[in-house]
Protein backbone atom coordinates (compact mmCIF):
# COMPACT_ATOMS: atom_id res chain seq x y z
CA MET A 1 114.16 92.22 135.37
CA ASP A 2 114.51 89.33 137.99
CA GLN A 3 110.60 89.02 138.58
CA LEU A 4 109.28 85.60 137.83
CA LEU A 5 106.68 85.99 134.74
CA PRO A 6 103.75 84.15 134.91
CA CYS A 7 102.94 81.89 131.95
CA SER A 8 99.96 79.51 132.67
CA ASN A 9 99.39 78.54 128.94
CA LYS A 10 101.10 79.08 125.34
CA ALA A 11 98.50 81.24 124.04
CA SER A 12 99.35 83.64 126.99
CA TYR A 13 102.88 84.38 126.18
CA ASN A 14 103.15 87.15 124.31
CA GLY A 15 106.47 89.07 126.06
CA PRO A 16 110.40 88.37 125.77
CA CYS A 17 111.73 85.76 128.36
CA TYR A 18 113.61 87.86 131.04
CA ASN A 19 115.17 85.42 133.29
CA LEU A 20 116.29 82.13 133.19
CA ARG A 21 114.19 80.79 135.85
CA PHE A 22 111.00 81.48 133.62
CA LEU A 23 113.10 79.82 130.50
CA ARG A 24 113.46 76.42 132.60
CA ASN A 25 109.73 76.55 133.41
CA TYR A 26 108.70 77.34 130.26
CA LEU A 27 110.62 74.45 128.81
CA LYS A 28 109.11 72.09 131.10
CA LEU A 29 105.98 72.43 129.79
CA TYR A 30 106.97 72.91 125.95
CA PRO A 31 108.34 71.00 123.53
CA LEU A 32 112.52 71.48 122.71
CA ALA A 33 111.40 72.88 119.16
CA ASP A 34 110.51 76.07 120.93
CA THR A 35 114.18 76.19 122.98
CA ARG A 36 115.87 77.98 120.35
CA ALA A 37 113.51 80.85 119.79
CA HIS A 38 112.64 81.50 123.55
CA LEU A 39 116.30 81.26 124.27
CA ALA A 40 116.89 84.05 121.62
CA ILE A 41 114.87 86.46 123.25
CA ALA A 42 116.70 85.76 126.37
CA ILE A 43 119.95 86.25 124.93
CA MET A 44 118.52 89.39 123.06
CA SER A 45 117.29 90.82 126.31
CA LYS A 46 120.51 90.56 127.89
CA LYS A 47 121.91 92.55 124.97
CA VAL A 48 119.29 95.40 124.86
CA LYS A 49 120.41 95.62 128.77
CA ALA A 50 124.25 95.85 128.38
CA LEU A 51 123.55 98.60 126.06
CA ASP A 52 120.93 100.39 128.03
CA ASP A 53 123.39 99.95 130.97
CA TRP A 54 126.10 101.64 128.89
CA ILE A 55 124.15 104.58 128.13
CA ARG A 56 123.45 104.84 131.94
CA THR A 57 126.96 104.41 132.88
CA GLU A 58 130.27 105.04 130.84
CA PHE A 59 128.69 106.80 127.69
CA ARG A 60 127.24 109.34 130.25
CA SER A 61 130.98 109.42 131.93
CA ILE A 62 132.77 110.06 128.66
CA ASN A 63 130.22 112.74 127.19
CA THR A 64 130.59 114.54 130.46
CA GLU A 65 134.60 114.46 130.72
CA LEU A 66 134.34 115.57 127.21
CA GLU A 67 132.25 118.62 127.57
CA GLU A 68 134.36 119.65 130.78
CA MET A 69 137.25 119.97 128.29
CA TYR A 70 135.01 121.39 125.38
CA PHE A 71 133.50 124.30 127.86
CA LYS A 72 136.96 125.09 129.53
CA LYS A 73 137.94 126.26 125.59
CA LYS A 74 134.52 127.50 124.54
CA GLN A 75 134.97 124.99 122.03
CA MET A 76 131.90 124.84 119.74
CA SER A 77 132.98 122.00 117.01
CA PRO A 78 135.42 119.23 117.87
CA ASP A 79 137.60 117.79 115.37
CA GLY A 80 136.80 114.65 116.14
CA GLY A 81 140.07 113.19 116.69
CA GLY A 82 140.39 112.85 120.27
CA LYS A 83 141.12 109.61 121.71
CA LEU A 84 138.33 109.56 124.48
CA ALA A 85 135.99 110.50 121.28
CA THR A 86 136.93 107.53 119.47
CA PHE A 87 136.97 105.16 122.58
CA LEU A 88 133.45 106.16 122.84
CA GLN A 89 132.35 105.06 119.29
CA LYS A 90 134.51 101.91 119.65
CA SER A 91 132.62 100.85 122.92
CA GLY A 92 129.11 101.58 121.70
CA ASN A 93 129.54 99.84 118.43
CA ASN A 94 130.68 96.67 120.64
CA PHE A 95 127.45 97.02 121.82
CA ILE A 96 125.46 97.76 118.98
CA GLU A 97 127.08 95.49 116.59
CA PRO A 98 125.95 92.27 118.53
CA LEU A 99 122.08 93.67 118.31
CA LEU A 100 122.37 94.18 114.44
CA VAL A 101 123.36 90.38 113.97
CA GLU A 102 120.52 89.06 116.60
CA GLY A 103 118.42 90.73 113.93
CA ASN A 104 115.11 90.21 116.82
CA THR A 105 113.82 93.69 117.42
CA ASP A 106 110.34 92.91 117.53
CA GLN A 107 109.89 92.45 121.31
CA GLY A 108 106.85 94.87 121.52
CA PHE A 109 106.72 99.11 121.15
CA GLU A 110 108.32 99.85 124.25
CA ASN A 111 111.42 97.36 124.11
CA SER A 112 112.27 98.59 119.97
CA PHE A 113 111.10 102.35 120.60
CA ASP A 114 113.95 102.23 123.89
CA VAL A 115 116.67 100.82 121.63
CA LEU A 116 116.09 103.13 119.00
CA GLY A 117 116.65 105.71 121.54
CA ASN A 118 119.53 104.03 122.75
CA VAL A 119 121.40 103.72 119.65
CA GLY A 120 120.17 107.29 118.64
CA LEU A 121 121.78 108.94 121.29
CA PHE A 122 124.81 107.29 120.58
CA MET A 123 124.75 108.47 117.15
CA ALA A 124 123.92 111.94 118.42
CA SER A 125 126.89 111.83 120.83
CA CYS A 126 129.13 110.92 117.73
CA ARG A 127 127.67 114.02 115.77
CA ARG A 128 128.21 116.14 118.82
CA HIS A 129 131.89 115.00 118.94
CA GLY A 130 132.75 115.67 115.23
CA ILE A 131 133.25 111.97 114.34
CA THR A 132 130.52 112.04 112.16
CA ASP A 133 129.61 115.46 110.13
CA PRO A 134 126.83 115.38 107.51
CA SER A 135 128.75 118.47 105.76
CA ARG A 136 131.74 115.77 105.06
CA GLU A 137 130.09 112.69 104.80
CA ALA A 138 127.86 111.07 101.62
CA SER A 139 126.60 108.17 104.45
CA SER A 140 127.16 107.64 108.07
CA PRO A 141 130.40 105.90 109.02
CA LEU A 142 128.44 104.27 111.99
CA ARG A 143 127.09 101.45 109.43
CA ALA A 144 125.80 99.02 112.49
CA ALA A 145 124.18 102.03 114.59
CA SER A 146 122.68 102.91 111.30
CA THR A 147 121.32 99.83 110.23
CA LEU A 148 120.03 98.78 113.23
CA ALA A 149 118.49 102.07 113.79
CA MET A 150 116.69 102.02 110.31
CA HIS A 151 115.62 98.60 111.02
CA ILE A 152 113.47 99.29 113.89
CA ALA A 153 112.31 102.86 112.59
CA ALA A 154 110.93 100.88 109.56
CA SER A 155 109.10 98.59 112.20
CA LEU A 156 107.72 101.19 114.07
CA GLY A 157 107.17 104.10 111.56
CA VAL A 158 109.18 106.93 113.33
CA VAL A 159 112.52 108.40 112.11
CA PRO A 160 115.53 106.31 112.72
CA ARG A 161 117.41 108.65 115.38
CA PHE A 162 116.42 109.54 118.67
CA THR A 163 113.89 111.99 119.31
CA SER A 164 112.50 114.55 122.14
CA SER A 165 110.28 111.41 123.28
CA HIS A 166 113.04 109.38 124.41
CA LEU A 167 114.66 111.78 126.66
CA GLN A 168 111.14 112.92 127.65
CA THR A 169 107.67 110.65 127.75
CA HIS A 170 109.45 107.74 127.04
CA ASN A 171 112.98 108.00 129.56
CA PHE A 172 112.53 105.30 131.81
CA ALA A 173 113.99 106.35 135.21
CA LYS A 174 116.12 103.63 137.17
CA ASN A 175 116.47 104.49 140.93
CA GLY A 176 115.06 108.03 140.15
CA THR A 177 117.87 108.94 137.57
CA PHE A 178 116.81 108.84 133.75
CA LYS A 179 118.72 108.62 130.78
CA THR A 180 120.95 111.96 129.81
CA PHE A 181 123.91 112.38 127.58
CA THR A 182 125.86 113.57 130.25
CA SER A 183 125.78 113.97 134.48
CA LEU A 184 125.88 117.74 133.90
CA GLU A 185 123.43 119.49 136.36
CA ASP A 186 122.09 121.86 133.68
CA GLU A 187 121.43 118.70 131.46
CA ARG A 188 119.31 117.31 134.02
CA VAL A 189 117.55 120.45 134.62
CA PHE A 190 116.80 120.86 130.73
CA VAL A 191 115.37 117.32 130.61
CA GLU A 192 113.08 117.06 133.77
CA TYR A 193 111.19 120.74 133.25
CA ASN A 194 110.89 119.88 129.33
CA THR A 195 109.15 116.80 130.68
CA ARG A 196 107.17 118.67 133.29
CA GLY A 197 105.83 121.08 130.34
CA VAL A 198 105.34 118.41 127.93
CA VAL A 199 103.32 116.05 130.26
CA ASN A 200 101.40 119.30 131.22
CA TYR A 201 100.98 120.13 127.75
CA ILE A 202 99.38 116.25 127.26
CA ARG A 203 97.19 117.24 130.08
CA CYS A 204 95.54 120.12 128.62
CA SER A 205 95.32 118.26 125.24
CA ASP A 206 93.64 115.40 127.08
CA SER A 207 91.28 117.81 128.73
CA LEU A 208 90.31 119.20 125.40
CA ARG A 209 89.76 116.14 123.58
CA GLN A 210 86.82 115.37 125.75
CA ILE A 211 85.34 118.33 124.64
CA VAL A 212 84.91 116.94 121.18
CA PRO A 213 82.02 114.15 121.82
CA LEU A 214 80.39 116.52 124.67
CA GLY A 215 80.10 119.61 122.36
CA VAL A 216 81.07 123.36 123.57
CA SER A 217 77.75 124.36 124.91
CA HIS A 218 77.51 121.03 127.06
CA PRO A 219 77.99 122.04 131.11
CA VAL A 220 80.79 119.64 131.84
CA THR A 221 82.77 121.47 128.92
CA PHE A 222 83.61 123.87 131.61
CA ASP A 223 85.13 121.63 133.43
CA CYS A 224 87.35 120.44 130.81
CA LEU A 225 88.41 124.13 129.73
CA LYS A 226 89.13 124.85 133.67
CA GLY A 227 91.55 121.78 133.40
CA ALA A 228 93.42 122.94 130.48
CA LYS A 229 93.81 126.23 131.45
CA ASN A 230 95.42 124.85 135.12
CA ALA A 231 97.56 122.63 132.98
CA LEU A 232 99.03 125.39 130.70
CA GLU A 233 99.33 127.36 134.08
CA GLU A 234 101.38 124.51 135.39
CA VAL A 235 103.67 124.55 131.79
CA PHE A 236 103.83 128.28 132.55
CA ARG A 237 105.33 128.02 135.80
CA SER A 238 107.83 125.41 134.74
CA ASN A 239 109.35 127.51 132.11
CA VAL A 240 110.06 130.16 134.73
CA SER A 241 111.65 127.78 137.13
CA LEU A 242 113.58 126.42 133.90
CA ALA A 243 114.75 129.28 133.15
CA GLU A 244 115.82 130.48 136.65
CA GLN A 245 117.77 127.36 136.96
CA LEU A 246 119.42 126.66 133.58
CA ASN A 247 122.71 128.19 133.13
CA VAL A 248 122.94 130.14 129.19
CA GLY A 249 126.59 129.07 128.53
CA ARG A 250 126.26 125.39 129.72
CA PHE A 251 122.94 125.10 127.78
CA PHE A 252 124.46 126.47 124.67
CA TYR A 253 127.86 125.05 125.08
CA SER A 254 127.24 121.37 126.45
CA VAL A 255 123.17 120.66 125.82
CA ARG A 256 122.17 122.21 122.78
CA PRO A 257 125.04 120.57 120.67
CA TYR A 258 123.54 116.84 121.29
CA TYR A 259 120.30 117.74 119.00
CA LYS A 260 122.12 118.35 115.76
CA PRO A 261 121.20 117.10 112.53
CA HIS A 262 123.24 113.96 111.35
CA LYS A 263 122.94 111.27 108.78
CA VAL A 264 121.46 107.78 109.16
CA GLY A 265 122.71 105.59 106.20
CA ARG A 266 122.85 108.14 103.45
CA LEU A 267 119.89 110.59 104.82
CA THR A 268 120.36 113.41 106.93
CA PHE A 269 117.53 113.87 109.50
CA ARG A 270 117.30 116.96 111.91
CA GLY A 271 117.86 117.10 115.33
CA ALA A 272 115.47 116.60 118.20
CA ASN A 273 113.06 119.14 119.22
CA ALA A 274 111.43 119.83 122.36
CA GLY A 275 107.91 119.95 120.72
CA ASP A 276 108.08 116.73 118.77
CA PHE A 277 105.04 115.47 120.49
CA ALA A 278 101.18 115.51 119.44
CA GLY A 279 100.02 117.42 122.82
CA ILE A 280 101.04 121.08 121.40
CA ASN A 281 99.41 120.31 118.05
CA LEU A 282 96.16 118.92 119.46
CA ILE A 283 95.98 121.94 121.34
CA ASP A 284 96.41 124.24 118.61
CA LEU A 285 94.37 122.64 116.45
CA LEU A 286 91.51 121.87 118.82
CA LEU A 287 91.11 125.55 120.20
CA GLY A 288 91.76 126.39 116.85
CA VAL A 289 94.36 129.30 116.70
CA CYS A 290 96.19 126.97 114.19
CA GLU A 291 94.57 125.46 110.96
CA ALA A 292 95.90 122.30 109.26
CA ASN A 293 94.74 124.19 105.79
CA ASP A 294 97.14 126.95 106.48
CA PRO A 295 100.40 126.23 104.33
CA TYR A 296 102.59 127.26 107.15
CA TYR A 297 101.46 124.95 109.85
CA SER A 298 100.38 121.59 107.53
CA GLN A 299 104.02 122.08 106.44
CA LEU A 300 105.00 121.63 110.33
CA ILE A 301 102.80 118.86 110.83
CA THR A 302 103.86 116.84 108.17
CA GLU A 303 107.56 117.42 108.91
CA LYS A 304 107.17 116.39 112.32
CA LEU A 305 104.85 113.73 112.17
CA LEU A 306 107.77 110.51 112.11
CA PHE A 307 109.15 112.38 114.69
CA MET A 308 106.50 111.29 117.09
CA PRO A 309 105.77 107.83 118.74
CA PRO A 310 103.38 106.15 116.84
CA THR A 311 100.60 106.65 119.39
CA ASP A 312 100.94 110.40 118.95
CA GLN A 313 100.97 110.36 114.94
CA VAL A 314 97.27 108.30 115.48
CA LEU A 315 96.33 111.13 117.73
CA LEU A 316 97.42 113.72 115.83
CA ARG A 317 95.70 112.24 112.95
CA ASP A 318 92.59 111.61 114.34
CA CYS A 319 92.09 115.44 115.50
CA LEU A 320 92.32 116.33 111.82
CA ARG A 321 88.86 115.06 111.39
CA HIS A 322 87.01 117.31 113.90
CA LYS A 323 86.37 120.92 113.82
CA SER A 324 87.69 123.01 116.16
CA LEU A 325 86.09 124.56 119.35
CA MET A 326 86.66 127.84 118.04
CA PHE A 327 84.71 126.93 114.58
CA ASN A 328 82.01 125.66 117.21
CA PHE A 329 82.06 128.36 119.03
CA LEU A 330 81.58 131.21 116.35
CA GLU A 331 78.94 128.93 115.01
CA LEU A 332 76.76 129.10 118.13
CA ALA A 333 77.81 132.79 118.45
CA LYS A 334 76.64 133.80 114.86
CA SER A 335 73.27 131.82 114.78
CA GLY A 336 72.03 134.17 117.83
CA VAL A 337 71.92 134.90 121.43
CA LEU A 338 74.17 132.85 123.98
CA SER A 339 72.82 131.54 126.72
CA ALA A 340 74.36 132.06 129.77
CA SER A 341 75.91 128.80 130.46
CA VAL A 342 77.40 129.08 127.02
CA LYS A 343 78.76 132.33 127.81
CA LYS A 344 80.36 130.70 130.90
CA ASN A 345 81.95 128.23 128.63
CA LEU A 346 83.03 130.65 126.01
CA ARG A 347 84.83 132.97 128.63
CA MET A 348 86.72 129.49 129.81
CA PHE A 349 87.60 128.94 126.46
CA LEU A 350 88.97 132.24 125.65
CA ASP A 351 90.91 132.25 128.97
CA VAL A 352 92.76 128.92 127.64
CA CYS A 353 93.61 130.65 124.37
CA ASP A 354 94.89 133.27 126.16
CA MET A 355 97.23 131.36 128.40
CA HIS A 356 98.08 129.27 125.37
CA GLY A 357 99.12 132.38 123.80
CA LYS A 358 101.18 133.78 126.86
CA VAL A 359 102.98 130.35 127.38
CA ALA A 360 104.30 130.58 123.60
CA THR A 361 105.48 133.85 123.72
CA GLN A 362 107.09 133.02 126.87
CA HIS A 363 108.87 130.31 125.00
CA HIS A 364 109.76 132.58 122.25
CA ASP A 365 111.06 135.62 124.48
CA VAL A 366 112.60 133.55 126.85
CA PHE A 367 114.00 130.33 125.60
CA VAL A 368 114.91 131.48 121.74
CA ASN A 369 115.96 134.79 122.90
CA ARG A 370 117.93 134.17 125.56
CA PHE A 371 119.12 130.72 125.20
CA ILE A 372 120.00 130.82 121.65
CA GLN A 373 120.14 134.17 120.31
CA HIS A 374 122.09 136.08 122.54
CA PRO A 375 124.65 133.72 123.10
CA ALA A 376 125.14 132.83 119.22
CA ALA A 377 125.67 136.94 118.53
CA ALA A 378 128.93 136.28 120.16
CA MET A 379 129.85 133.27 118.52
CA ASP A 380 132.59 133.00 116.05
CA PRO A 381 130.63 133.69 112.32
CA ASP A 382 132.03 130.43 110.88
CA ASN A 383 130.33 128.57 113.88
CA ILE A 384 126.94 130.14 113.20
CA GLU A 385 125.60 127.77 110.25
CA ASP A 386 125.99 124.75 112.67
CA LEU A 387 124.10 126.17 115.12
CA THR A 388 120.45 125.09 115.02
CA ALA A 389 118.94 121.58 115.73
CA SER A 390 116.57 122.02 113.11
CA GLY A 391 119.12 122.54 110.19
CA PRO A 392 118.04 126.07 108.46
CA PRO A 393 120.45 129.11 109.37
CA LEU A 394 119.37 130.64 112.99
CA ALA A 395 117.92 134.14 111.50
CA GLU A 396 115.79 131.84 109.16
CA LEU A 397 114.47 129.42 112.13
CA VAL A 398 114.00 132.39 114.61
CA LYS A 399 111.77 133.88 111.94
CA SER A 400 109.91 130.63 111.65
CA LEU A 401 109.57 130.24 115.01
CA ALA A 402 108.24 133.79 115.16
CA VAL A 403 105.35 132.98 112.87
CA LEU A 404 104.40 130.08 114.99
CA ARG A 405 104.27 132.24 118.58
CA ASP A 406 102.07 134.83 116.91
CA MET A 407 99.60 132.35 115.28
CA ARG A 408 99.31 130.72 118.89
CA ALA A 409 99.15 134.33 120.32
CA THR A 410 96.40 135.15 117.71
CA THR A 411 98.07 138.66 117.44
CA PRO A 412 96.79 141.20 114.61
CA PRO A 413 98.00 139.55 111.37
CA ARG A 414 100.85 141.00 109.45
CA ASP A 415 102.78 140.12 106.48
CA GLY A 416 102.55 136.64 105.25
CA VAL A 417 100.92 135.58 108.88
CA SER A 418 97.35 135.03 109.33
CA THR A 419 95.84 134.83 112.60
CA ARG A 420 92.61 134.23 114.98
CA TYR A 421 92.69 137.92 116.14
CA ASN A 422 89.28 138.65 114.57
CA ASP A 423 87.57 135.96 115.20
CA ILE A 424 88.71 136.22 118.79
CA LEU A 425 87.78 139.75 119.06
CA PHE A 426 84.38 138.54 118.05
CA LEU A 427 83.98 135.95 120.51
CA LYS A 428 84.89 138.30 123.33
CA THR A 429 82.20 140.60 122.51
CA ALA A 430 79.66 137.70 122.16
CA ALA A 431 80.95 136.51 125.65
CA SER A 432 80.35 139.56 127.44
């Protein structure tokens, strides 16, 4: 923040003024009419920084202390009346209300999206500690936070709450430490390894997107497919490490509760989901293992679109315009004998599909079953309905996730679930 930002002429200035030295130099060059506007930007930046500093320090310390209290009692749903939780609410409001009064949140995407994330983390924390609860409220009692979140979200075209991107792909680390709700080691591990998985999924999707203008028979397509496979193998290895290091009880009782649905204004928004980024869906659609005209999958895309950053939304919409790689390989295979080079590409394509299915199965069998279903089985039945981040009952959520797993793994079709199983068998024969 203390770096001097260059400004050789007025037209070149397109960002906020982050320090007074720059402001003084700027005002020497330009009329007093600009003074108030740029001084407001400087003040705005200080208020943004104050909220961010609080989120990274006191906010995290308070949550950690509360989690230690809850964990000792295995307490799932706090009543929200504790003095420490109330102090957290009042402290957060002290930083958020001045930002709402300032009203100027349009200082570039990264700045606005980061402010939305910090406000969202605060609101999610209040939900976790029972300060808010959508089941008992017509609207959120966090009026300033709701208003600011809706203001920013409307300008960006996203949901007005924190999403997984705020803790993964848009979580700026300071001195090696990124933002988390608590300082618990298990939350750090969870966020770090989820970010690794997401980054490698994005690597995979980027490799597959390069194939679209080249075509599936291009010799360089093999290299792109190999890169996609390598990235998926990294996701698999990252998941193994996460499962080895993450404590089931700590995740279930001290990490997962921050991802619950809560109200922003009068509307309830589902909790953040680790899959709320475009990369995983780009892989589904580009490979062709999932199709946009499938009623289950199209519903999934529609529901998650606004939980993605705007740039991800653009990528996903663009992907929907293209035919899948599977479609193109099927057309070639049905048209006649494939050349040796095309068969080489096809075999690598099938390897990528297989790896994508293995990671999907791993996620369901390891994380959904071990880290959610099993500990939930030991819970008080009265708390089961308040368990999932997405909102529906656990049994319904698990059933829905199993459908997605089977589509990605191209398992044999079953009642109500269509997969590309037969197309994969045909392509395997064509590649031999």
